[in-house]
Amino acid sequence: MSWLKRAGQKAGLTLSEMAQVVDRAETIILGKQQQLKLAMTAILAHGHVLLEDVPGVGKTTLVKTLAQLLGLKTKRIQFTNDLLPADILGTTVFDNIKNEFVFHPGPIFAQIIIADELNRATPKTQSALLQAMEERRVTVDGRTYSLPDPFFVVATQNPSHQMGTYPLPESQLDRFMFRIEMGYPNRKAEYDLLTRNYSESSLEISPMVDEDKLKKWQNQVEKVFVSPAVVNYLQNLIDCTRSGVYQVLGLSPRAGLAWLKAARSWALLNDRHAVLPEDIQSVGVALMSHRIAQAKHNLQTGDQLAREILAKVSVD
């Protein structure tokens, strides 16, 4: 197959620089290479990320580390149950001196938004992010304002069984490319963390790339080759989620497009110019787990269902 022949092509020095960003981040976020690679993959693919786990496992630190290494400006929004949409988007105020209404932009106007504990806000406030995540612009008082480019939302959420949480609706979950669980560190990583000099871990991180280089990397993602055979394999996986066998809400066309773009990005990050079925599989769990709504009597988690689907569908 042509996609097998082209898979061995290398993309050159720029790609090794991508890998170096992940390697540098791993010296700060110990023992989380897979999570860092997925987060970097989403950034290259213009995707948003949902980080879910218990407090204190490094969700926010991971986001800040990658943002600093990529030279991106960040703003953190702490979501609470009394936060209002205007607190995120901004508001229009009448200026007596200019004798006109002036728009005061909210914290959403940044390159990376850290939406901390997103599911502690009410559904009305959560919905303020929908247009921004999909269209990369917001509308306030009938006027539309473009957001910075690049623009990413990296949201953290606490497990739904914790007190004071509001489940994210399917329409919002579908706008996140990946859902990533941090998990507790392994014993070696935690030992290194406990014994590491605090001053070393708190040093400012110098950017490794600039905004222009990041945009060039993102443009390269679109050029990664995908064969008809790989597209057919992806379609088979999507069809499996819609078959009714697993009693789940199947993946949307938007999810399918996001999956293909994520696979391209993963291949590029691994120094290849062609997508392999392994690339589809590598990002599959993170992409599917939050999108496949489970039947009430199904005790499997989204991760378990996603892995079962990947195992069931064969590569032709």
Protein backbone atom coordinates (compact mmCIF):
# COMPACT_ATOMS: atom_id res chain seq x y z
CA MET A 1 0.00 0.00 0.00
CA SER A 2 1.16 3.52 -0.77
CA TRP A 3 0.64 4.70 2.80
CA LEU A 4 3.05 2.02 4.03
CA LYS A 5 5.71 3.15 1.56
CA ARG A 6 5.35 6.81 2.50
CA ALA A 7 5.26 6.19 6.25
CA GLY A 8 9.04 5.94 6.42
CA GLN A 9 9.61 9.46 5.12
CA LYS A 10 11.18 11.82 7.63
CA ALA A 11 10.21 15.43 8.03
CA GLY A 12 13.58 16.83 9.11
CA LEU A 13 14.93 19.07 11.84
CA THR A 14 11.72 20.92 12.61
CA LEU A 15 10.10 17.74 13.84
CA SER A 16 12.95 16.91 16.17
CA GLU A 17 12.39 20.36 17.68
CA MET A 18 8.80 19.37 18.38
CA ALA A 19 10.01 16.30 20.23
CA GLN A 20 12.50 18.44 22.15
CA VAL A 21 9.63 20.56 23.50
CA VAL A 22 7.99 17.43 24.92
CA ASP A 23 11.31 16.17 26.32
CA ARG A 24 11.95 19.50 28.04
CA ALA A 25 8.43 19.53 29.49
CA GLU A 26 9.00 16.03 30.87
CA THR A 27 11.82 17.35 33.04
CA ILE A 28 9.21 19.51 34.78
CA ILE A 29 6.19 17.18 34.65
CA LEU A 30 7.80 13.95 35.77
CA GLY A 31 6.62 10.58 34.48
CA LYS A 32 3.85 11.94 32.21
CA GLN A 33 5.27 11.52 28.71
CA GLN A 34 2.03 10.16 27.20
CA GLN A 35 -0.05 12.99 28.63
CA LEU A 36 2.46 15.58 27.40
CA LYS A 37 2.55 14.07 23.91
CA LEU A 38 -1.25 14.11 23.72
CA ALA A 39 -1.40 17.73 24.88
CA MET A 40 1.25 18.74 22.35
CA THR A 41 -0.60 16.80 19.65
CA ALA A 42 -3.78 18.76 20.38
CA ILE A 43 -1.95 22.09 20.22
CA LEU A 44 -0.44 21.21 16.84
CA ALA A 45 -3.91 20.22 15.60
CA HIS A 46 -5.67 23.39 16.88
CA GLY A 47 -7.55 21.23 19.39
CA HIS A 48 -8.84 21.91 22.88
CA VAL A 49 -8.04 19.61 25.81
CA LEU A 50 -10.00 18.50 28.85
CA LEU A 51 -7.79 17.39 31.75
CA GLU A 52 -9.68 15.34 34.28
CA ASP A 53 -8.45 14.01 37.59
CA VAL A 54 -8.40 14.66 41.31
CA PRO A 55 -6.85 17.94 42.52
CA GLY A 56 -3.09 18.15 42.98
CA VAL A 57 -1.81 15.80 40.28
CA GLY A 58 -0.30 18.50 38.04
CA LYS A 59 -3.06 19.40 35.57
CA THR A 60 -2.50 23.16 35.68
CA THR A 61 1.28 22.79 35.86
CA LEU A 62 1.28 20.75 32.66
CA VAL A 63 -0.61 23.48 30.80
CA LYS A 64 1.59 26.30 32.09
CA THR A 65 4.76 24.39 31.23
CA LEU A 66 3.79 23.79 27.61
CA ALA A 67 2.56 27.38 27.24
CA GLN A 68 5.87 28.77 28.48
CA LEU A 69 7.92 26.46 26.24
CA LEU A 70 5.84 27.49 23.21
CA GLY A 71 6.01 31.18 24.08
CA LEU A 72 2.23 31.57 24.37
CA LYS A 73 0.38 34.03 26.57
CA THR A 74 -1.92 32.40 29.09
CA LYS A 75 -4.78 33.51 31.27
CA ARG A 76 -6.30 31.43 34.01
CA ILE A 77 -10.00 31.51 34.78
CA GLN A 78 -11.05 29.94 38.06
CA PHE A 79 -14.55 28.62 37.48
CA THR A 80 -16.90 28.82 40.45
CA ASN A 81 -20.66 28.51 40.82
CA ASP A 82 -21.08 32.30 40.99
CA LEU A 83 -19.03 33.08 37.86
CA LEU A 84 -21.01 34.86 35.12
CA PRO A 85 -20.54 34.72 31.31
CA ALA A 86 -19.57 38.41 31.30
CA ASP A 87 -16.74 37.59 33.70
CA ILE A 88 -15.26 35.44 30.92
CA LEU A 89 -16.16 37.22 27.69
CA GLY A 90 -16.07 40.85 28.80
CA THR A 91 -18.66 43.58 28.88
CA THR A 92 -19.63 46.83 27.18
CA VAL A 93 -19.53 49.95 29.37
CA PHE A 94 -20.60 53.49 28.48
CA ASP A 95 -17.65 55.89 28.43
CA ASN A 96 -18.75 59.37 29.48
CA ILE A 97 -15.65 61.01 28.04
CA LYS A 98 -15.93 59.40 24.59
CA ASN A 99 -19.73 59.49 24.77
CA GLU A 100 -19.96 55.95 23.46
CA PHE A 101 -20.05 52.34 24.60
CA VAL A 102 -16.61 50.75 24.94
CA PHE A 103 -15.96 47.02 25.04
CA HIS A 104 -13.76 45.79 27.86
CA PRO A 105 -12.44 42.35 26.88
CA GLY A 106 -12.53 39.54 29.42
CA PRO A 107 -9.86 36.94 30.17
CA ILE A 108 -10.98 34.81 27.19
CA PHE A 109 -8.77 37.05 25.03
CA ALA A 110 -5.54 35.09 25.42
CA GLN A 111 -3.71 32.43 23.41
CA ILE A 112 -4.13 29.67 25.98
CA ILE A 113 -7.03 29.75 28.39
CA ILE A 114 -6.68 27.63 31.50
CA ALA A 115 -10.28 26.97 32.46
CA ASP A 116 -9.67 25.68 35.97
CA GLU A 117 -12.33 23.37 37.43
CA LEU A 118 -14.71 24.06 34.54
CA ASN A 119 -17.41 21.79 35.87
CA ARG A 120 -17.79 23.83 39.06
CA ALA A 121 -19.47 26.60 37.04
CA THR A 122 -23.17 26.57 36.18
CA PRO A 123 -24.26 25.36 32.72
CA LYS A 124 -25.03 28.96 31.69
CA THR A 125 -21.45 30.00 32.37
CA GLN A 126 -20.00 26.86 30.80
CA SER A 127 -21.88 27.67 27.59
CA ALA A 128 -20.00 30.98 27.31
CA LEU A 129 -17.05 28.96 25.99
CA LEU A 130 -18.97 27.21 23.19
CA GLN A 131 -18.67 29.86 20.47
CA ALA A 132 -15.10 30.68 21.45
CA MET A 133 -14.00 27.05 21.18
CA GLU A 134 -15.73 26.39 17.86
CA GLU A 135 -15.38 29.69 15.99
CA ARG A 136 -12.48 31.31 17.88
CA ARG A 137 -14.50 34.48 18.30
CA VAL A 138 -17.12 35.76 20.73
CA THR A 139 -20.24 37.88 20.42
CA VAL A 140 -21.05 40.44 23.11
CA ASP A 141 -24.02 42.83 22.85
CA GLY A 142 -24.49 42.00 19.18
CA ARG A 143 -20.88 42.64 18.16
CA THR A 144 -18.39 39.93 17.25
CA TYR A 145 -14.75 40.02 18.36
CA SER A 146 -11.98 37.77 17.07
CA LEU A 147 -9.84 35.90 19.56
CA PRO A 148 -6.03 35.70 19.38
CA ASP A 149 -4.36 33.29 16.99
CA PRO A 150 -3.39 30.69 18.07
CA PHE A 151 -6.17 30.10 20.58
CA PHE A 152 -6.59 27.04 22.82
CA VAL A 153 -8.80 26.14 25.74
CA VAL A 154 -7.30 23.69 28.20
CA ALA A 155 -9.91 22.95 30.82
CA THR A 156 -9.48 21.01 34.02
CA GLN A 157 -12.37 19.31 35.69
CA ASN A 158 -12.81 17.34 38.85
CA PRO A 159 -14.40 13.88 38.80
CA SER A 160 -18.19 14.18 38.61
CA HIS A 161 -18.73 12.38 41.92
CA GLN A 162 -17.13 15.26 43.83
CA MET A 163 -19.38 17.81 45.49
CA GLY A 164 -20.31 21.05 43.70
CA THR A 165 -19.83 19.85 40.13
CA TYR A 166 -22.09 20.28 37.08
CA PRO A 167 -21.70 17.69 34.30
CA LEU A 168 -20.56 19.16 30.99
CA PRO A 169 -23.19 18.75 28.22
CA GLU A 170 -22.45 16.59 25.18
CA SER A 171 -22.32 19.67 22.93
CA GLN A 172 -19.44 21.06 24.96
CA LEU A 173 -17.62 17.77 25.44
CA ASP A 174 -17.61 17.29 21.66
CA ARG A 175 -15.62 20.51 21.27
CA PHE A 176 -12.70 19.10 23.23
CA MET A 177 -10.36 17.13 21.00
CA PHE A 178 -8.98 15.06 23.89
CA ARG A 179 -9.87 14.10 27.40
CA ILE A 180 -6.67 13.29 29.29
CA GLU A 181 -6.39 11.72 32.72
CA MET A 182 -3.23 12.64 34.61
CA GLY A 183 -3.22 9.82 37.14
CA TYR A 184 -0.92 9.53 40.13
CA PRO A 185 2.82 9.47 39.39
CA ASN A 186 4.67 6.17 39.47
CA ARG A 187 6.93 5.51 42.46
CA LYS A 188 10.16 6.64 40.78
CA ALA A 189 8.63 9.85 39.41
CA GLU A 190 7.14 10.69 42.79
CA TYR A 191 10.44 10.00 44.54
CA ASP A 192 12.20 12.36 42.13
CA LEU A 193 9.48 14.94 42.75
CA LEU A 194 9.77 14.67 46.52
CA THR A 195 13.56 14.91 46.53
CA ARG A 196 13.92 17.57 43.83
CA ASN A 197 15.21 20.96 44.92
CA TYR A 198 12.19 23.27 45.08
CA SER A 199 14.12 26.22 43.65
CA GLU A 200 14.94 24.21 40.54
CA SER A 201 11.33 23.36 39.87
CA SER A 202 10.20 26.93 40.37
CA LEU A 203 12.62 28.50 37.87
CA GLU A 204 11.18 30.43 34.94
CA ILE A 205 11.03 28.32 31.78
CA SER A 206 12.50 29.92 28.68
CA PRO A 207 10.49 29.58 25.44
CA MET A 208 11.93 27.07 22.97
CA VAL A 209 9.95 28.31 19.97
CA ASP A 210 8.05 31.42 18.97
CA GLU A 211 4.54 32.00 17.68
CA ASP A 212 5.58 31.96 14.01
CA LYS A 213 7.33 28.61 14.30
CA LEU A 214 4.33 27.09 16.08
CA LYS A 215 2.07 28.24 13.23
CA LYS A 216 4.45 26.63 10.71
CA TRP A 217 4.21 23.36 12.62
CA GLN A 218 0.42 23.60 12.60
CA ASN A 219 0.42 24.17 8.85
CA GLN A 220 2.55 21.05 8.41
CA VAL A 221 -0.14 18.96 10.08
CA GLU A 222 -2.49 19.53 7.13
CA LYS A 223 0.16 18.19 4.74
CA VAL A 224 0.58 14.82 6.46
CA PHE A 225 -0.52 12.12 4.02
CA VAL A 226 -3.53 9.93 4.81
CA SER A 227 -4.24 6.96 2.53
CA PRO A 228 -7.74 5.75 1.60
CA ALA A 229 -7.02 2.56 3.56
CA VAL A 230 -6.41 4.52 6.76
CA VAL A 231 -9.54 6.62 6.18
CA ASN A 232 -11.57 3.41 5.75
CA TYR A 233 -10.13 2.06 9.01
CA LEU A 234 -11.12 5.28 10.78
CA GLN A 235 -14.62 5.06 9.32
CA ASN A 236 -14.96 1.49 10.57
CA LEU A 237 -14.10 2.67 14.09
CA ILE A 238 -16.62 5.51 13.88
CA ASP A 239 -19.30 3.15 12.55
CA CYS A 240 -18.63 0.81 15.46
CA THR A 241 -19.47 3.56 17.95
CA ARG A 242 -22.77 4.11 16.13
CA SER A 243 -23.71 0.44 15.74
CA GLY A 244 -25.80 0.24 18.91
CA VAL A 245 -23.80 -2.72 20.20
CA TYR A 246 -22.27 -0.67 23.01
CA GLN A 247 -25.40 1.40 23.71
CA VAL A 248 -23.46 4.62 23.39
CA LEU A 249 -24.03 7.90 21.61
CA GLY A 250 -21.90 7.45 18.48
CA LEU A 251 -19.18 9.83 17.38
CA SER A 252 -20.27 12.91 15.44
CA PRO A 253 -18.81 13.95 12.07
CA ARG A 254 -17.00 16.71 13.95
CA ALA A 255 -15.38 14.06 16.14
CA GLY A 256 -14.31 12.12 13.04
CA LEU A 257 -12.63 15.20 11.57
CA ALA A 258 -10.92 15.87 14.90
CA TRP A 259 -9.71 12.23 15.07
CA LEU A 260 -8.16 12.43 11.62
CA LYS A 261 -6.44 15.73 12.38
CA ALA A 262 -5.19 14.42 15.72
CA ALA A 263 -3.74 11.34 14.00
CA ARG A 264 -1.95 13.58 11.49
CA SER A 265 -0.53 15.62 14.34
CA TRP A 266 0.57 12.51 16.26
CA ALA A 267 2.35 11.18 13.16
CA LEU A 268 4.11 14.52 12.68
CA LEU A 269 5.19 14.62 16.31
CA ASN A 270 6.69 11.17 15.77
CA ASP A 271 8.70 12.37 12.76
CA ARG A 272 6.55 10.91 9.98
CA HIS A 273 4.78 12.42 6.96
CA ALA A 274 2.13 9.72 6.67
CA VAL A 275 -0.54 8.43 9.04
CA LEU A 276 -0.41 4.79 10.12
CA PRO A 277 -3.26 2.86 11.77
CA GLU A 278 -1.14 2.99 14.93
CA ASP A 279 -1.54 6.78 14.92
CA ILE A 280 -5.31 6.42 14.81
CA GLN A 281 -5.12 4.00 17.74
CA SER A 282 -2.67 6.08 19.77
CA VAL A 283 -5.05 9.03 20.02
CA GLY A 284 -8.26 6.98 19.97
CA VAL A 285 -8.87 6.56 23.70
CA ALA A 286 -8.25 10.23 24.51
CA LEU A 287 -10.54 11.26 21.66
CA MET A 288 -13.40 8.81 22.25
CA SER A 289 -13.63 8.44 26.02
CA HIS A 290 -15.52 11.68 26.76
CA ARG A 291 -17.73 11.53 23.66
CA ILE A 292 -19.33 8.11 23.95
CA ALA A 293 -22.26 8.51 26.33
CA GLN A 294 -22.90 5.30 28.22
CA ALA A 295 -26.16 3.59 29.03
CA LYS A 296 -27.11 3.97 32.69
CA HIS A 297 -26.72 0.28 33.40
CA ASN A 298 -23.32 0.08 31.71
CA LEU A 299 -20.64 0.14 34.38
CA GLN A 300 -17.73 0.50 31.95
CA THR A 301 -15.87 3.80 31.88
CA GLY A 302 -15.38 5.79 28.70
CA ASP A 303 -11.75 4.67 28.59
CA GLN A 304 -12.74 1.00 28.86
CA LEU A 305 -15.34 1.30 26.11
CA ALA A 306 -12.89 3.13 23.85
CA ARG A 307 -10.24 0.43 24.28
CA GLU A 308 -12.83 -2.28 23.61
CA ILE A 309 -13.86 -0.59 20.36
CA LEU A 310 -10.25 -0.23 19.25
CA ALA A 311 -9.63 -3.91 20.00
CA LYS A 312 -12.75 -5.05 18.16
CA VAL A 313 -12.20 -3.25 14.86
CA SER A 314 -9.45 -4.91 12.82
CA VAL A 315 -7.01 -3.18 10.50
CA ASP A 316 -7.69 -4.45 6.99
